[in-house]
PDB file of N, CA and C in Angstrom:
ATOM      1  N   MET A   1       0.853  -1.158   0.003  1.00  0.00           N
ATOM      2  CA  MET A   1      -0.003  -0.009   0.001  1.00  0.00           C
ATOM      3  C   MET A   1       0.904   1.233   0.002  1.00  0.00           C
ATOM      4  N   VAL A   2       0.507   2.220  -0.757  1.00  0.00           N
ATOM      5  CA  VAL A   2       1.248   3.483  -0.830  1.00  0.00           C
ATOM      6  C   VAL A   2       0.278   4.608  -0.496  1.00  0.00           C
ATOM      7  N   LEU A   3       0.700   5.523   0.344  1.00  0.00           N
ATOM      8  CA  LEU A   3      -0.110   6.694   0.721  1.00  0.00           C
ATOM      9  C   LEU A   3       0.535   7.935   0.165  1.00  0.00           C
ATOM     10  N   PHE A   4      -0.261   8.777  -0.454  1.00  0.00           N
ATOM     11  CA  PHE A   4       0.203  10.072  -0.976  1.00  0.00           C
ATOM     12  C   PHE A   4      -0.469  11.171  -0.152  1.00  0.00           C
ATOM     13  N   SER A   5       0.349  11.912   0.594  1.00  0.00           N
ATOM     14  CA  SER A   5      -0.152  13.072   1.312  1.00  0.00           C
ATOM     15  C   SER A   5       0.286  14.295   0.537  1.00  0.00           C
ATOM     16  N   THR A   6      -0.643  14.985  -0.098  1.00  0.00           N
ATOM     17  CA  THR A   6      -0.334  16.125  -0.937  1.00  0.00           C
ATOM     18  C   THR A   6      -1.212  17.299  -0.560  1.00  0.00           C
ATOM     19  N   ASN A   7      -0.981  18.436  -1.210  1.00  0.00           N
ATOM     20  CA  ASN A   7      -1.827  19.605  -0.978  1.00  0.00           C
ATOM     21  C   ASN A   7      -3.276  19.310  -1.344  1.00  0.00           C
ATOM     22  N   ARG A   8      -3.482  18.431  -2.301  1.00  0.00           N
ATOM     23  CA  ARG A   8      -4.839  18.097  -2.725  1.00  0.00           C
ATOM     24  C   ARG A   8      -5.519  17.172  -1.724  1.00  0.00           C
ATOM     25  N   TYR A   9      -4.722  16.392  -0.986  1.00  0.00           N
ATOM     26  CA  TYR A   9      -5.236  15.447   0.012  1.00  0.00           C
ATOM     27  C   TYR A   9      -4.596  15.709   1.378  1.00  0.00           C
ATOM     28  N   PRO A  10      -4.809  16.885   1.970  1.00  0.00           N
ATOM     29  CA  PRO A  10      -4.093  17.207   3.207  1.00  0.00           C
ATOM     30  C   PRO A  10      -4.602  16.458   4.445  1.00  0.00           C
ATOM     31  N   GLU A  11      -5.883  16.230   4.540  1.00  0.00           N
ATOM     32  CA  GLU A  11      -6.465  15.582   5.700  1.00  0.00           C
ATOM     33  C   GLU A  11      -6.478  14.060   5.586  1.00  0.00           C
ATOM     34  N   GLN A  12      -6.787  13.583   4.396  1.00  0.00           N
ATOM     35  CA  GLN A  12      -6.891  12.162   4.177  1.00  0.00           C
ATOM     36  C   GLN A  12      -6.060  11.792   2.955  1.00  0.00           C
ATOM     37  N   PRO A  13      -4.963  11.050   3.142  1.00  0.00           N
ATOM     38  CA  PRO A  13      -4.098  10.755   2.010  1.00  0.00           C
ATOM     39  C   PRO A  13      -4.752   9.889   0.963  1.00  0.00           C
ATOM     40  N   LEU A  14      -4.272  10.026  -0.283  1.00  0.00           N
ATOM     41  CA  LEU A  14      -4.718   9.162  -1.348  1.00  0.00           C
ATOM     42  C   LEU A  14      -4.052   7.803  -1.106  1.00  0.00           C
ATOM     43  N   VAL A  15      -4.837   6.741  -1.115  1.00  0.00           N
ATOM     44  CA  VAL A  15      -4.351   5.404  -0.840  1.00  0.00           C
ATOM     45  C   VAL A  15      -4.407   4.570  -2.120  1.00  0.00           C
ATOM     46  N   VAL A  16      -3.248   3.951  -2.421  1.00  0.00           N
ATOM     47  CA  VAL A  16      -3.179   3.068  -3.574  1.00  0.00           C
ATOM     48  C   VAL A  16      -2.803   1.690  -3.035  1.00  0.00           C
ATOM     49  N   LYS A  17      -3.670   0.692  -3.253  1.00  0.00           N
ATOM     50  CA  LYS A  17      -3.368  -0.641  -2.780  1.00  0.00           C
ATOM     51  C   LYS A  17      -3.864  -1.661  -3.756  1.00  0.00           C
ATOM     52  N   GLY A  18      -3.285  -2.812  -3.673  1.00  0.00           N
ATOM     53  CA  GLY A  18      -3.696  -3.894  -4.563  1.00  0.00           C
ATOM     54  C   GLY A  18      -3.848  -5.199  -3.813  1.00  0.00           C
ATOM     55  N   ALA A  19      -4.034  -6.242  -4.562  1.00  0.00           N
ATOM     56  CA  ALA A  19      -4.172  -7.577  -3.936  1.00  0.00           C
ATOM     57  C   ALA A  19      -2.898  -7.946  -3.185  1.00  0.00           C
ATOM     58  N   GLY A  20      -3.058  -8.727  -2.165  1.00  0.00           N
ATOM     59  CA  GLY A  20      -1.902  -9.137  -1.334  1.00  0.00           C
ATOM     60  C   GLY A  20      -1.045 -10.144  -2.032  1.00  0.00           C
ATOM     61  N   ALA A  21      -0.027  -9.661  -2.726  1.00  0.00           N
ATOM     62  CA  ALA A  21       0.869 -10.562  -3.447  1.00  0.00           C
ATOM     63  C   ALA A  21       2.147 -10.837  -2.654  1.00  0.00           C
ATOM     64  N   GLY A  22       2.273 -10.225  -1.486  1.00  0.00           N
ATOM     65  CA  GLY A  22       3.489 -10.355  -0.689  1.00  0.00           C
ATOM     66  C   GLY A  22       4.360  -9.137  -0.837  1.00  0.00           C
ATOM     67  N   GLY A  23       5.205  -8.876   0.143  1.00  0.00           N
ATOM     68  CA  GLY A  23       6.023  -7.686   0.163  1.00  0.00           C
ATOM     69  C   GLY A  23       6.954  -7.545  -0.997  1.00  0.00           C
ATOM     70  N   ASP A  24       7.673  -8.625  -1.345  1.00  0.00           N
ATOM     71  CA  ASP A  24       8.655  -8.541  -2.432  1.00  0.00           C
ATOM     72  C   ASP A  24       7.995  -8.267  -3.767  1.00  0.00           C
ATOM     73  N   VAL A  25       6.908  -8.979  -4.049  1.00  0.00           N
ATOM     74  CA  VAL A  25       6.236  -8.835  -5.348  1.00  0.00           C
ATOM     75  C   VAL A  25       5.597  -7.429  -5.427  1.00  0.00           C
ATOM     76  N   THR A  26       4.974  -6.998  -4.365  1.00  0.00           N
ATOM     77  CA  THR A  26       4.352  -5.693  -4.346  1.00  0.00           C
ATOM     78  C   THR A  26       5.382  -4.585  -4.538  1.00  0.00           C
ATOM     79  N   ALA A  27       6.511  -4.670  -3.819  1.00  0.00           N
ATOM     80  CA  ALA A  27       7.571  -3.681  -3.936  1.00  0.00           C
ATOM     81  C   ALA A  27       8.117  -3.639  -5.375  1.00  0.00           C
ATOM     82  N   ALA A  28       8.283  -4.781  -5.971  1.00  0.00           N
ATOM     83  CA  ALA A  28       8.777  -4.829  -7.342  1.00  0.00           C
ATOM     84  C   ALA A  28       7.790  -4.179  -8.311  1.00  0.00           C
ATOM     85  N   GLY A  29       6.509  -4.410  -8.080  1.00  0.00           N
ATOM     86  CA  GLY A  29       5.491  -3.833  -8.939  1.00  0.00           C
ATOM     87  C   GLY A  29       5.422  -2.332  -8.792  1.00  0.00           C
ATOM     88  N   VAL A  30       5.485  -1.834  -7.557  1.00  0.00           N
ATOM     89  CA  VAL A  30       5.469  -0.397  -7.311  1.00  0.00           C
ATOM     90  C   VAL A  30       6.691   0.236  -7.934  1.00  0.00           C
ATOM     91  N   PHE A  31       7.849  -0.375  -7.770  1.00  0.00           N
ATOM     92  CA  PHE A  31       9.082   0.167  -8.356  1.00  0.00           C
ATOM     93  C   PHE A  31       8.983   0.216  -9.867  1.00  0.00           C
ATOM     94  N   ALA A  32       8.455  -0.834 -10.488  1.00  0.00           N
ATOM     95  CA  ALA A  32       8.316  -0.853 -11.942  1.00  0.00           C
ATOM     96  C   ALA A  32       7.374   0.258 -12.392  1.00  0.00           C
ATOM     97  N   ASP A  33       6.285   0.477 -11.663  1.00  0.00           N
ATOM     98  CA  ASP A  33       5.344   1.538 -12.024  1.00  0.00           C
ATOM     99  C   ASP A  33       6.011   2.897 -11.901  1.00  0.00           C
ATOM    100  N   ILE A  34       6.804   3.138 -10.874  1.00  0.00           N
ATOM    101  CA  ILE A  34       7.511   4.408 -10.717  1.00  0.00           C
ATOM    102  C   ILE A  34       8.488   4.630 -11.855  1.00  0.00           C
ATOM    103  N   MET A  35       9.229   3.576 -12.207  1.00  0.00           N
ATOM    104  CA  MET A  35      10.199   3.696 -13.300  1.00  0.00           C
ATOM    105  C   MET A  35       9.485   3.991 -14.631  1.00  0.00           C
ATOM    106  N   ARG A  36       8.365   3.324 -14.857  1.00  0.00           N
ATOM    107  CA  ARG A  36       7.588   3.577 -16.069  1.00  0.00           C
ATOM    108  C   ARG A  36       7.067   5.009 -16.092  1.00  0.00           C
ATOM    109  N   ALA A  37       6.574   5.511 -15.010  1.00  0.00           N
ATOM    110  CA  ALA A  37       6.058   6.887 -14.947  1.00  0.00           C
ATOM    111  C   ALA A  37       7.188   7.903 -15.136  1.00  0.00           C
ATOM    112  N   ALA A  38       8.364   7.580 -14.659  1.00  0.00           N
ATOM    113  CA  ALA A  38       9.480   8.505 -14.785  1.00  0.00           C
ATOM    114  C   ALA A  38       9.959   8.659 -16.225  1.00  0.00           C
ATOM    115  N   ARG A  39       9.691   7.657 -17.052  1.00  0.00           N
ATOM    116  CA  ARG A  39      10.130   7.696 -18.425  1.00  0.00           C
ATOM    117  C   ARG A  39       9.193   8.515 -19.331  1.00  0.00           C
ATOM    118  N   VAL A  40       7.990   8.797 -18.838  1.00  0.00           N
ATOM    119  CA  VAL A  40       6.994   9.515 -19.664  1.00  0.00           C
ATOM    120  C   VAL A  40       7.299  10.983 -19.675  1.00  0.00           C
TER     121      VAL A  40
END
């Protein structure tokens, strides 16, 4: 699960979560998504 606390969500952070695939798999997926977004 990833929480984004931003100016748009000051009181209640934006929560991004998915199915429970385990810590390693989830971390790899989040990292891949970040790398993909950084290339755009």
